[in-house]
Amino acid sequence: MKLQQILNEIYQELNPDFGQGKVANYIPALANINPNKFGMAVHSISGEKAFVGDVNENFSIQSISKVFTLALAMMECHEKVWERVGREPSGNRFNSLVQLENENGIPRNPLINAGAHVVTDLLSSKYENPKYEILQFIRKLAEKEEIFFDNDVAKSERETGNRNLAMGYFMKSFGNIHNQVRVVLDTYFHQCAIAMSCTDLAKAFLFLANDGIIPYSGEQIIEKLDSDRINALMLTCGMYDSVGDFAYRVGLPSKSGVGGGIVSIVPGELAICVWSPGLSENGNSYVGTKALELFVRKTGKGIF
C-alpha cells in the first residue's frame, strides 16, 4: 500500500477525534489556535512524499526545536555537551525544578526545558548571534529561507515564562549557565517560537533518518554516531513524561512540542510530522499520537 493511501485512511479514521485535547493556553499566543486543525506529512529518503490535511499551515514548533539546537551543539561542541547535561529520562514534568535541586543543577537530558537551556547556553557561548545561527541551520535542513520566528509567540513566552527563568537562574547558581540568563532565555523563547509546517519539519528531520546526511544535497551535517545518539534520546526522552507509553504505542524516535506537533523518525527510511493542537495531559498532541500509532500499525514501520 502506498504512503498516500495510508495517510488518507488515517485521516478518515481520525476525523471523529479532531478537536480532542486542550490547546496550550498557558502560552497566551497559542490559546486561540483552532483545535480541529490536523496535518500529516511524510518524506522518505528515496524522495517519496505523502500529505494529508493542513500540512502547509505554519505552527509554533516549540520543543521540537530542542532537537535542532542539540544537533547544532553536537556539531560545534561535541562531547562537551555531556559535561553539562545528562542522557536519562526525567520521569517528571518537562519544566520541573525538583531534579535540578537533587542533581546539582545538571538537567537529566537535553530535551526537557532545563536541558535545552544549557544547550542554548552552549550555543550562546559559541556564536555572537545564536538566534540567527539556529534559524539558518533550520532553514538549511528544510531547504527553505521563508522560515521565521513568530515574534508574537516569542513575546508571549517571554512575558509568561517565569518558570523557565527560575530554572535558568537556579542552574546559574550551580555554575551551569555561563551567559546572562535573560539573554539565553530570549534565544530559547525565540527558537521555540519558530513557525514551520508539517512539510517543512518532515523534510528538515530527514537527516536523522539518513545517518546525519541531508538526502537531497548529500551533505553530512552530523556524524552517523551523533545521529544515532539523537535518535536514541528522542526515543527515551522526546515525549515529555509519557515516553514509555509512547514507545509502547508507536515505537519510533520522536519529539513533540506543545504547539501540537510531533516529528518521528523511521531510521534508514523516512521522517513523519503530524500536527494537531489539542494536547493530552502529558503535553503531547492527542490526535497526533493516535495518528502515529495508526501509521505504524498500517505500515509495520516501528523499530521494534
C-alpha atoms as a PDB file:
ATOM      1  CA  MET A   1       0.000   0.000   0.000  1.00  0.00           C
ATOM      2  CA  LYS A   2       1.371   3.441  -0.909  1.00  0.00           C
ATOM      3  CA  LEU A   3       2.061   6.028   1.762  1.00  0.00           C
ATOM      4  CA  GLN A   4      -0.528   8.440   0.355  1.00  0.00           C
ATOM      5  CA  GLN A   5      -3.267   5.836   0.591  1.00  0.00           C
ATOM      6  CA  ILE A   6      -2.270   5.062   4.187  1.00  0.00           C
ATOM      7  CA  LEU A   7      -2.384   8.736   5.175  1.00  0.00           C
ATOM      8  CA  ASN A   8      -5.790   9.108   3.524  1.00  0.00           C
ATOM      9  CA  GLU A   9      -7.074   6.166   5.586  1.00  0.00           C
ATOM     10  CA  ILE A  10      -5.650   7.620   8.792  1.00  0.00           C
ATOM     11  CA  TYR A  11      -7.321  10.952   8.081  1.00  0.00           C
ATOM     12  CA  GLN A  12     -10.698   9.310   7.601  1.00  0.00           C
ATOM     13  CA  GLU A  13     -10.392   7.113  10.692  1.00  0.00           C
ATOM     14  CA  LEU A  14      -9.344  10.008  12.934  1.00  0.00           C
ATOM     15  CA  ASN A  15     -11.871  12.527  11.645  1.00  0.00           C
ATOM     16  CA  PRO A  16     -14.279  11.946  14.588  1.00  0.00           C
ATOM     17  CA  ASP A  17     -11.410  12.679  17.016  1.00  0.00           C
ATOM     18  CA  PHE A  18     -10.399  16.046  15.587  1.00  0.00           C
ATOM     19  CA  GLY A  19     -10.534  18.710  18.284  1.00  0.00           C
ATOM     20  CA  GLN A  20      -9.795  16.320  21.167  1.00  0.00           C
ATOM     21  CA  GLY A  21      -7.394  17.531  23.857  1.00  0.00           C
ATOM     22  CA  LYS A  22      -6.655  21.042  25.121  1.00  0.00           C
ATOM     23  CA  VAL A  23      -4.525  23.678  23.434  1.00  0.00           C
ATOM     24  CA  ALA A  24      -1.530  25.099  25.339  1.00  0.00           C
ATOM     25  CA  ASN A  25      -3.426  28.065  26.767  1.00  0.00           C
ATOM     26  CA  TYR A  26      -0.740  28.826  29.360  1.00  0.00           C
ATOM     27  CA  ILE A  27       1.091  30.468  26.450  1.00  0.00           C
ATOM     28  CA  PRO A  28      -1.411  33.234  25.567  1.00  0.00           C
ATOM     29  CA  ALA A  29      -0.376  33.413  21.902  1.00  0.00           C
ATOM     30  CA  LEU A  30      -1.280  29.729  21.480  1.00  0.00           C
ATOM     31  CA  ALA A  31      -4.580  29.850  23.365  1.00  0.00           C
ATOM     32  CA  ASN A  32      -6.753  30.700  20.369  1.00  0.00           C
ATOM     33  CA  ILE A  33      -5.459  28.138  17.883  1.00  0.00           C
ATOM     34  CA  ASN A  34      -8.235  26.080  16.300  1.00  0.00           C
ATOM     35  CA  PRO A  35      -8.024  22.617  17.952  1.00  0.00           C
ATOM     36  CA  ASN A  36      -9.670  20.997  14.913  1.00  0.00           C
ATOM     37  CA  LYS A  37      -6.594  21.538  12.757  1.00  0.00           C
ATOM     38  CA  PHE A  38      -4.809  18.391  11.579  1.00  0.00           C
ATOM     39  CA  GLY A  39      -1.963  17.758   9.191  1.00  0.00           C
ATOM     40  CA  MET A  40       0.339  14.832   8.497  1.00  0.00           C
ATOM     41  CA  ALA A  41       3.332  14.748   6.160  1.00  0.00           C
ATOM     42  CA  VAL A  42       5.832  12.021   5.277  1.00  0.00           C
ATOM     43  CA  HIS A  43       9.149  12.495   3.459  1.00  0.00           C
ATOM     44  CA  SER A  44      11.254   9.463   2.595  1.00  0.00           C
ATOM     45  CA  ILE A  45      14.985   9.328   1.901  1.00  0.00           C
ATOM     46  CA  SER A  46      14.202   7.960  -1.573  1.00  0.00           C
ATOM     47  CA  GLY A  47      12.062  11.003  -2.389  1.00  0.00           C
ATOM     48  CA  GLU A  48       8.562   9.620  -1.822  1.00  0.00           C
ATOM     49  CA  LYS A  49       6.186  12.123  -0.223  1.00  0.00           C
ATOM     50  CA  ALA A  50       2.677  11.936   1.169  1.00  0.00           C
ATOM     51  CA  PHE A  51       0.476  14.632   2.685  1.00  0.00           C
ATOM     52  CA  VAL A  52      -2.940  14.985   4.207  1.00  0.00           C
ATOM     53  CA  GLY A  53      -4.797  17.812   5.940  1.00  0.00           C
ATOM     54  CA  ASP A  54      -3.354  21.194   6.957  1.00  0.00           C
ATOM     55  CA  VAL A  55       0.222  20.273   6.062  1.00  0.00           C
ATOM     56  CA  ASN A  56       1.281  23.668   4.696  1.00  0.00           C
ATOM     57  CA  GLU A  57      -0.003  25.754   7.586  1.00  0.00           C
ATOM     58  CA  ASN A  58       2.709  27.086   9.880  1.00  0.00           C
ATOM     59  CA  PHE A  59       2.531  26.403  13.610  1.00  0.00           C
ATOM     60  CA  SER A  60       4.776  27.030  16.586  1.00  0.00           C
ATOM     61  CA  ILE A  61       7.305  24.181  16.769  1.00  0.00           C
ATOM     62  CA  GLN A  62       8.038  24.774  20.478  1.00  0.00           C
ATOM     63  CA  SER A  63      10.055  21.886  21.992  1.00  0.00           C
ATOM     64  CA  ILE A  64      10.668  20.253  18.617  1.00  0.00           C
ATOM     65  CA  SER A  65      13.292  22.990  18.294  1.00  0.00           C
ATOM     66  CA  LYS A  66      15.327  21.252  21.020  1.00  0.00           C
ATOM     67  CA  VAL A  67      16.361  18.564  18.544  1.00  0.00           C
ATOM     68  CA  PHE A  68      17.715  21.174  16.132  1.00  0.00           C
ATOM     69  CA  THR A  69      19.688  23.011  18.819  1.00  0.00           C
ATOM     70  CA  LEU A  70      21.030  19.720  20.193  1.00  0.00           C
ATOM     71  CA  ALA A  71      22.257  18.707  16.725  1.00  0.00           C
ATOM     72  CA  LEU A  72      23.876  22.116  16.271  1.00  0.00           C
ATOM     73  CA  ALA A  73      25.532  21.915  19.702  1.00  0.00           C
ATOM     74  CA  MET A  74      26.840  18.410  18.992  1.00  0.00           C
ATOM     75  CA  MET A  75      28.305  19.711  15.728  1.00  0.00           C
ATOM     76  CA  GLU A  76      30.039  22.600  17.433  1.00  0.00           C
ATOM     77  CA  CYS A  77      30.801  21.352  20.966  1.00  0.00           C
ATOM     78  CA  HIS A  78      30.989  17.567  20.535  1.00  0.00           C
ATOM     79  CA  GLU A  79      31.405  15.651  23.824  1.00  0.00           C
ATOM     80  CA  LYS A  80      31.470  18.866  25.881  1.00  0.00           C
ATOM     81  CA  VAL A  81      27.669  18.851  25.695  1.00  0.00           C
ATOM     82  CA  TRP A  82      27.566  15.860  28.042  1.00  0.00           C
ATOM     83  CA  GLU A  83      29.703  17.541  30.671  1.00  0.00           C
ATOM     84  CA  ARG A  84      26.736  19.786  31.471  1.00  0.00           C
ATOM     85  CA  VAL A  85      23.607  17.760  30.678  1.00  0.00           C
ATOM     86  CA  GLY A  86      22.647  14.122  31.169  1.00  0.00           C
ATOM     87  CA  ARG A  87      21.113  11.500  28.906  1.00  0.00           C
ATOM     88  CA  GLU A  88      18.456   9.915  31.132  1.00  0.00           C
ATOM     89  CA  PRO A  89      14.647  10.201  31.004  1.00  0.00           C
ATOM     90  CA  SER A  90      13.420  12.647  33.601  1.00  0.00           C
ATOM     91  CA  GLY A  91      10.217  10.976  34.804  1.00  0.00           C
ATOM     92  CA  ASN A  92       8.977  14.440  35.769  1.00  0.00           C
ATOM     93  CA  ARG A  93       7.243  17.313  34.020  1.00  0.00           C
ATOM     94  CA  PHE A  94       9.268  18.967  31.267  1.00  0.00           C
ATOM     95  CA  ASN A  95       9.535  22.172  33.318  1.00  0.00           C
ATOM     96  CA  SER A  96      10.202  20.598  36.718  1.00  0.00           C
ATOM     97  CA  LEU A  97      12.607  22.212  39.182  1.00  0.00           C
ATOM     98  CA  VAL A  98      12.735  19.213  41.522  1.00  0.00           C
ATOM     99  CA  GLN A  99      15.514  17.229  39.847  1.00  0.00           C
ATOM    100  CA  LEU A 100      17.726  20.282  39.435  1.00  0.00           C
ATOM    101  CA  GLU A 101      17.825  20.651  43.211  1.00  0.00           C
ATOM    102  CA  ASN A 102      18.663  16.996  43.767  1.00  0.00           C
ATOM    103  CA  GLU A 103      21.204  16.764  40.930  1.00  0.00           C
ATOM    104  CA  ASN A 104      23.193  19.953  41.488  1.00  0.00           C
ATOM    105  CA  GLY A 105      21.869  21.913  38.541  1.00  0.00           C
ATOM    106  CA  ILE A 106      22.627  19.249  35.902  1.00  0.00           C
ATOM    107  CA  PRO A 107      19.494  18.581  33.799  1.00  0.00           C
ATOM    108  CA  ARG A 108      18.565  14.963  33.142  1.00  0.00           C
ATOM    109  CA  ASN A 109      18.551  15.318  29.351  1.00  0.00           C
ATOM    110  CA  PRO A 110      18.674  17.970  26.599  1.00  0.00           C
ATOM    111  CA  LEU A 111      15.041  17.503  25.538  1.00  0.00           C
ATOM    112  CA  ILE A 112      13.449  18.877  28.700  1.00  0.00           C
ATOM    113  CA  ASN A 113      13.369  22.636  29.271  1.00  0.00           C
ATOM    114  CA  ALA A 114      16.304  22.871  31.663  1.00  0.00           C
ATOM    115  CA  GLY A 115      18.480  20.728  29.399  1.00  0.00           C
ATOM    116  CA  ALA A 116      17.546  22.835  26.385  1.00  0.00           C
ATOM    117  CA  HIS A 117      18.531  25.965  28.333  1.00  0.00           C
ATOM    118  CA  VAL A 118      22.014  24.506  28.825  1.00  0.00           C
ATOM    119  CA  VAL A 119      22.258  23.609  25.126  1.00  0.00           C
ATOM    120  CA  THR A 120      21.193  27.138  24.202  1.00  0.00           C
ATOM    121  CA  ASP A 121      23.768  28.492  26.638  1.00  0.00           C
ATOM    122  CA  LEU A 122      26.458  26.438  24.876  1.00  0.00           C
ATOM    123  CA  LEU A 123      25.397  27.937  21.547  1.00  0.00           C
ATOM    124  CA  SER A 124      25.333  31.411  23.113  1.00  0.00           C
ATOM    125  CA  SER A 125      28.987  30.966  24.059  1.00  0.00           C
ATOM    126  CA  LYS A 126      29.846  29.654  20.592  1.00  0.00           C
ATOM    127  CA  TYR A 127      28.041  32.225  18.439  1.00  0.00           C
ATOM    128  CA  GLU A 128      27.840  36.004  18.545  1.00  0.00           C
ATOM    129  CA  ASN A 129      24.244  35.803  17.288  1.00  0.00           C
ATOM    130  CA  PRO A 130      22.868  32.371  18.286  1.00  0.00           C
ATOM    131  CA  LYS A 131      19.299  33.169  17.223  1.00  0.00           C
ATOM    132  CA  TYR A 132      20.466  33.821  13.665  1.00  0.00           C
ATOM    133  CA  GLU A 133      22.634  30.677  13.589  1.00  0.00           C
ATOM    134  CA  ILE A 134      19.799  28.470  14.865  1.00  0.00           C
ATOM    135  CA  LEU A 135      17.384  29.882  12.301  1.00  0.00           C
ATOM    136  CA  GLN A 136      19.894  29.489   9.455  1.00  0.00           C
ATOM    137  CA  PHE A 137      20.590  25.887  10.468  1.00  0.00           C
ATOM    138  CA  ILE A 138      16.886  25.030  10.347  1.00  0.00           C
ATOM    139  CA  ARG A 139      16.437  26.835   7.021  1.00  0.00           C
ATOM    140  CA  LYS A 140      19.286  24.774   5.589  1.00  0.00           C
ATOM    141  CA  LEU A 141      17.798  21.480   6.785  1.00  0.00           C
ATOM    142  CA  ALA A 142      14.345  22.368   5.434  1.00  0.00           C
ATOM    143  CA  GLU A 143      15.826  23.911   2.272  1.00  0.00           C
ATOM    144  CA  LYS A 144      13.571  26.893   2.830  1.00  0.00           C
ATOM    145  CA  GLU A 145      14.555  30.512   3.511  1.00  0.00           C
ATOM    146  CA  GLU A 146      10.972  31.507   4.364  1.00  0.00           C
ATOM    147  CA  ILE A 147      11.141  30.182   7.929  1.00  0.00           C
ATOM    148  CA  PHE A 148      10.940  32.820  10.627  1.00  0.00           C
ATOM    149  CA  PHE A 149      10.447  33.464  14.303  1.00  0.00           C
ATOM    150  CA  ASP A 150       6.853  34.189  15.290  1.00  0.00           C
ATOM    151  CA  ASN A 151       7.625  37.297  17.308  1.00  0.00           C
ATOM    152  CA  ASP A 152       4.169  37.386  18.903  1.00  0.00           C
ATOM    153  CA  VAL A 153       4.704  33.891  20.308  1.00  0.00           C
ATOM    154  CA  ALA A 154       8.241  34.755  21.458  1.00  0.00           C
ATOM    155  CA  LYS A 155       6.936  37.873  23.229  1.00  0.00           C
ATOM    156  CA  SER A 156       4.126  35.870  24.819  1.00  0.00           C
ATOM    157  CA  GLU A 157       6.559  33.254  26.095  1.00  0.00           C
ATOM    158  CA  ARG A 158       8.976  35.865  27.398  1.00  0.00           C
ATOM    159  CA  GLU A 159       6.185  37.629  29.317  1.00  0.00           C
ATOM    160  CA  THR A 160       4.853  34.426  30.910  1.00  0.00           C
ATOM    161  CA  GLY A 161       7.988  32.272  31.113  1.00  0.00           C
ATOM    162  CA  ASN A 162       8.665  32.746  34.806  1.00  0.00           C
ATOM    163  CA  ARG A 163       9.315  29.077  35.485  1.00  0.00           C
ATOM    164  CA  ASN A 164      11.846  28.944  32.664  1.00  0.00           C
ATOM    165  CA  LEU A 165      13.588  31.972  34.133  1.00  0.00           C
ATOM    166  CA  ALA A 166      13.556  30.313  37.548  1.00  0.00           C
ATOM    167  CA  MET A 167      15.258  27.234  36.107  1.00  0.00           C
ATOM    168  CA  GLY A 168      17.815  29.391  34.351  1.00  0.00           C
ATOM    169  CA  TYR A 169      18.757  31.312  37.479  1.00  0.00           C
ATOM    170  CA  PHE A 170      18.761  28.124  39.528  1.00  0.00           C
ATOM    171  CA  MET A 171      21.249  26.479  37.153  1.00  0.00           C
ATOM    172  CA  LYS A 172      23.233  29.717  37.080  1.00  0.00           C
ATOM    173  CA  SER A 173      23.618  29.390  40.858  1.00  0.00           C
ATOM    174  CA  PHE A 174      25.263  25.986  40.273  1.00  0.00           C
ATOM    175  CA  GLY A 175      27.519  27.408  37.554  1.00  0.00           C
ATOM    176  CA  ASN A 176      25.781  25.511  34.751  1.00  0.00           C
ATOM    177  CA  ILE A 177      24.618  28.594  32.843  1.00  0.00           C
ATOM    178  CA  HIS A 178      27.605  30.663  31.731  1.00  0.00           C
ATOM    179  CA  ASN A 179      25.921  33.596  29.975  1.00  0.00           C
ATOM    180  CA  GLN A 180      23.337  36.088  31.178  1.00  0.00           C
ATOM    181  CA  VAL A 181      20.179  34.169  31.986  1.00  0.00           C
ATOM    182  CA  ARG A 182      17.771  36.565  30.310  1.00  0.00           C
ATOM    183  CA  VAL A 183      19.872  36.633  27.141  1.00  0.00           C
ATOM    184  CA  VAL A 184      19.970  32.819  26.992  1.00  0.00           C
ATOM    185  CA  LEU A 185      16.255  32.584  27.668  1.00  0.00           C
ATOM    186  CA  ASP A 186      15.475  35.162  24.991  1.00  0.00           C
ATOM    187  CA  THR A 187      17.200  32.903  22.473  1.00  0.00           C
ATOM    188  CA  TYR A 188      15.379  29.876  23.880  1.00  0.00           C
ATOM    189  CA  PHE A 189      11.977  31.581  23.632  1.00  0.00           C
ATOM    190  CA  HIS A 190      12.709  32.554  20.037  1.00  0.00           C
ATOM    191  CA  GLN A 191      13.789  29.040  18.997  1.00  0.00           C
ATOM    192  CA  CYS A 192      10.542  27.671  20.442  1.00  0.00           C
ATOM    193  CA  ALA A 193       8.617  30.347  18.535  1.00  0.00           C
ATOM    194  CA  ILE A 194       9.911  29.295  15.125  1.00  0.00           C
ATOM    195  CA  ALA A 195       6.944  28.717  12.810  1.00  0.00           C
ATOM    196  CA  MET A 196       7.045  25.776  10.415  1.00  0.00           C
ATOM    197  CA  SER A 197       4.631  23.470   8.632  1.00  0.00           C
ATOM    198  CA  CYS A 198       4.355  19.693   8.693  1.00  0.00           C
ATOM    199  CA  THR A 199       6.017  19.524   5.286  1.00  0.00           C
ATOM    200  CA  ASP A 200       8.872  21.764   6.470  1.00  0.00           C
ATOM    201  CA  LEU A 201       9.506  19.682   9.589  1.00  0.00           C
ATOM    202  CA  ALA A 202       9.328  16.282   7.914  1.00  0.00           C
ATOM    203  CA  LYS A 203      11.879  17.448   5.356  1.00  0.00           C
ATOM    204  CA  ALA A 204      14.111  19.113   7.967  1.00  0.00           C
ATOM    205  CA  PHE A 205      14.289  15.941  10.067  1.00  0.00           C
ATOM    206  CA  LEU A 206      15.274  13.655   7.191  1.00  0.00           C
ATOM    207  CA  PHE A 207      18.970  13.925   8.092  1.00  0.00           C
ATOM    208  CA  LEU A 208      18.222  11.945  11.269  1.00  0.00           C
ATOM    209  CA  ALA A 209      16.717   9.155   9.173  1.00  0.00           C
ATOM    210  CA  ASN A 210      19.775   9.151   6.911  1.00  0.00           C
ATOM    211  CA  ASP A 211      22.793   8.786   9.224  1.00  0.00           C
ATOM    212  CA  GLY A 212      23.207  12.553   9.582  1.00  0.00           C
ATOM    213  CA  ILE A 213      23.229  13.221   5.832  1.00  0.00           C
ATOM    214  CA  ILE A 214      20.778  15.575   4.101  1.00  0.00           C
ATOM    215  CA  PRO A 215      19.485  13.204   1.396  1.00  0.00           C
ATOM    216  CA  TYR A 216      18.657  15.794  -1.264  1.00  0.00           C
ATOM    217  CA  SER A 217      22.074  17.526  -1.072  1.00  0.00           C
ATOM    218  CA  GLY A 218      24.293  14.684   0.150  1.00  0.00           C
ATOM    219  CA  GLU A 219      25.850  16.922   2.816  1.00  0.00           C
ATOM    220  CA  GLN A 220      26.946  15.231   6.037  1.00  0.00           C
ATOM    221  CA  ILE A 221      25.518  17.510   8.735  1.00  0.00           C
ATOM    222  CA  ILE A 222      26.471  15.410  11.754  1.00  0.00           C
ATOM    223  CA  GLU A 223      28.338  12.146  12.128  1.00  0.00           C
ATOM    224  CA  LYS A 224      26.372   8.897  11.948  1.00  0.00           C
ATOM    225  CA  LEU A 225      27.172   8.160  15.583  1.00  0.00           C
ATOM    226  CA  ASP A 226      25.725  11.517  16.658  1.00  0.00           C
ATOM    227  CA  SER A 227      22.645  10.933  14.510  1.00  0.00           C
ATOM    228  CA  ASP A 228      22.147   7.546  16.197  1.00  0.00           C
ATOM    229  CA  ARG A 229      22.563   9.165  19.607  1.00  0.00           C
ATOM    230  CA  ILE A 230      19.991  11.865  18.896  1.00  0.00           C
ATOM    231  CA  ASN A 231      17.514   9.226  17.742  1.00  0.00           C
ATOM    232  CA  ALA A 232      18.156   7.274  20.951  1.00  0.00           C
ATOM    233  CA  LEU A 233      17.499  10.380  23.041  1.00  0.00           C
ATOM    234  CA  MET A 234      14.312  11.096  21.117  1.00  0.00           C
ATOM    235  CA  LEU A 235      13.099   7.556  21.798  1.00  0.00           C
ATOM    236  CA  THR A 236      13.861   7.693  25.530  1.00  0.00           C
ATOM    237  CA  CYS A 237      13.338  11.389  26.316  1.00  0.00           C
ATOM    238  CA  GLY A 238      11.438  13.043  23.469  1.00  0.00           C
ATOM    239  CA  MET A 239       7.829  12.765  24.613  1.00  0.00           C
ATOM    240  CA  TYR A 240       7.911  14.530  27.969  1.00  0.00           C
ATOM    241  CA  ASP A 241       6.933  12.223  30.835  1.00  0.00           C
ATOM    242  CA  SER A 242       4.986   9.759  28.678  1.00  0.00           C
ATOM    243  CA  VAL A 243       7.916   8.280  26.761  1.00  0.00           C
ATOM    244  CA  GLY A 244       7.151   4.755  27.949  1.00  0.00           C
ATOM    245  CA  ASP A 245       3.534   4.826  26.829  1.00  0.00           C
ATOM    246  CA  PHE A 246       4.515   6.415  23.510  1.00  0.00           C
ATOM    247  CA  ALA A 247       7.224   3.809  22.882  1.00  0.00           C
ATOM    248  CA  TYR A 248       4.672   1.088  23.658  1.00  0.00           C
ATOM    249  CA  ARG A 249       2.078   2.544  21.285  1.00  0.00           C
ATOM    250  CA  VAL A 250       4.238   3.981  18.494  1.00  0.00           C
ATOM    251  CA  GLY A 251       7.820   2.756  18.920  1.00  0.00           C
ATOM    252  CA  LEU A 252       9.626   5.444  16.909  1.00  0.00           C
ATOM    253  CA  PRO A 253      12.207   8.074  17.902  1.00  0.00           C
ATOM    254  CA  SER A 254      10.051  11.182  18.251  1.00  0.00           C
ATOM    255  CA  LYS A 255       9.905  14.711  19.600  1.00  0.00           C
ATOM    256  CA  SER A 256       6.778  16.620  20.487  1.00  0.00           C
ATOM    257  CA  GLY A 257       6.019  20.268  21.170  1.00  0.00           C
ATOM    258  CA  VAL A 258       3.138  21.962  22.968  1.00  0.00           C
ATOM    259  CA  GLY A 259       2.220  23.675  19.710  1.00  0.00           C
ATOM    260  CA  GLY A 260       0.703  20.296  18.812  1.00  0.00           C
ATOM    261  CA  GLY A 261       3.433  18.959  16.541  1.00  0.00           C
ATOM    262  CA  ILE A 262       5.206  15.602  16.727  1.00  0.00           C
ATOM    263  CA  VAL A 263       8.067  14.559  14.466  1.00  0.00           C
ATOM    264  CA  SER A 264       9.022  10.870  14.218  1.00  0.00           C
ATOM    265  CA  ILE A 265      11.883   9.058  12.521  1.00  0.00           C
ATOM    266  CA  VAL A 266      11.987   5.656  10.836  1.00  0.00           C
ATOM    267  CA  PRO A 267      15.773   5.186  10.682  1.00  0.00           C
ATOM    268  CA  GLY A 268      17.032   4.474   7.193  1.00  0.00           C
ATOM    269  CA  GLU A 269      13.669   5.288   5.625  1.00  0.00           C
ATOM    270  CA  LEU A 270      11.658   8.400   6.384  1.00  0.00           C
ATOM    271  CA  ALA A 271      10.541  11.250   8.645  1.00  0.00           C
ATOM    272  CA  ILE A 272       6.948  11.990   9.639  1.00  0.00           C
ATOM    273  CA  CYS A 273       5.408  15.152  11.061  1.00  0.00           C
ATOM    274  CA  VAL A 274       1.895  15.303  12.424  1.00  0.00           C
ATOM    275  CA  TRP A 275       0.167  18.402  13.808  1.00  0.00           C
ATOM    276  CA  SER A 276      -2.991  18.597  15.892  1.00  0.00           C
ATOM    277  CA  PRO A 277      -3.072  21.374  18.540  1.00  0.00           C
ATOM    278  CA  GLY A 278      -5.165  19.605  21.192  1.00  0.00           C
ATOM    279  CA  LEU A 279      -2.854  18.163  23.854  1.00  0.00           C
ATOM    280  CA  SER A 280      -3.094  15.240  26.251  1.00  0.00           C
ATOM    281  CA  GLU A 281      -2.446  15.701  29.966  1.00  0.00           C
ATOM    282  CA  ASN A 282       1.244  14.991  29.287  1.00  0.00           C
ATOM    283  CA  GLY A 283       1.536  17.824  26.767  1.00  0.00           C
ATOM    284  CA  ASN A 284       1.633  15.698  23.619  1.00  0.00           C
ATOM    285  CA  SER A 285      -0.754  16.013  20.698  1.00  0.00           C
ATOM    286  CA  TYR A 286      -3.737  13.777  21.466  1.00  0.00           C
ATOM    287  CA  VAL A 287      -4.796  13.119  17.869  1.00  0.00           C
ATOM    288  CA  GLY A 288      -1.201  13.266  16.629  1.00  0.00           C
ATOM    289  CA  THR A 289      -0.213  10.374  18.863  1.00  0.00           C
ATOM    290  CA  LYS A 290      -3.148   8.317  17.596  1.00  0.00           C
ATOM    291  CA  ALA A 291      -2.199   9.148  14.000  1.00  0.00           C
ATOM    292  CA  LEU A 292       1.361   7.890  14.506  1.00  0.00           C
ATOM    293  CA  GLU A 293       0.085   4.751  16.214  1.00  0.00           C
ATOM    294  CA  LEU A 294      -2.125   4.041  13.204  1.00  0.00           C
ATOM    295  CA  PHE A 295       0.739   4.759  10.814  1.00  0.00           C
ATOM    296  CA  VAL A 296       2.964   2.165  12.490  1.00  0.00           C
ATOM    297  CA  ARG A 297       0.157  -0.413  12.568  1.00  0.00           C
ATOM    298  CA  LYS A 298      -0.667   0.066   8.903  1.00  0.00           C
ATOM    299  CA  THR A 299       2.933   0.170   7.635  1.00  0.00           C
ATOM    300  CA  GLY A 300       4.711  -2.074  10.155  1.00  0.00           C
ATOM    301  CA  LYS A 301       7.473   0.518  10.331  1.00  0.00           C
ATOM    302  CA  GLY A 302       8.019   0.597  14.101  1.00  0.00           C
ATOM    303  CA  ILE A 303      11.642  -0.027  15.037  1.00  0.00           C
ATOM    304  CA  PHE A 304      10.844  -2.970  17.331  1.00  0.00           C
END
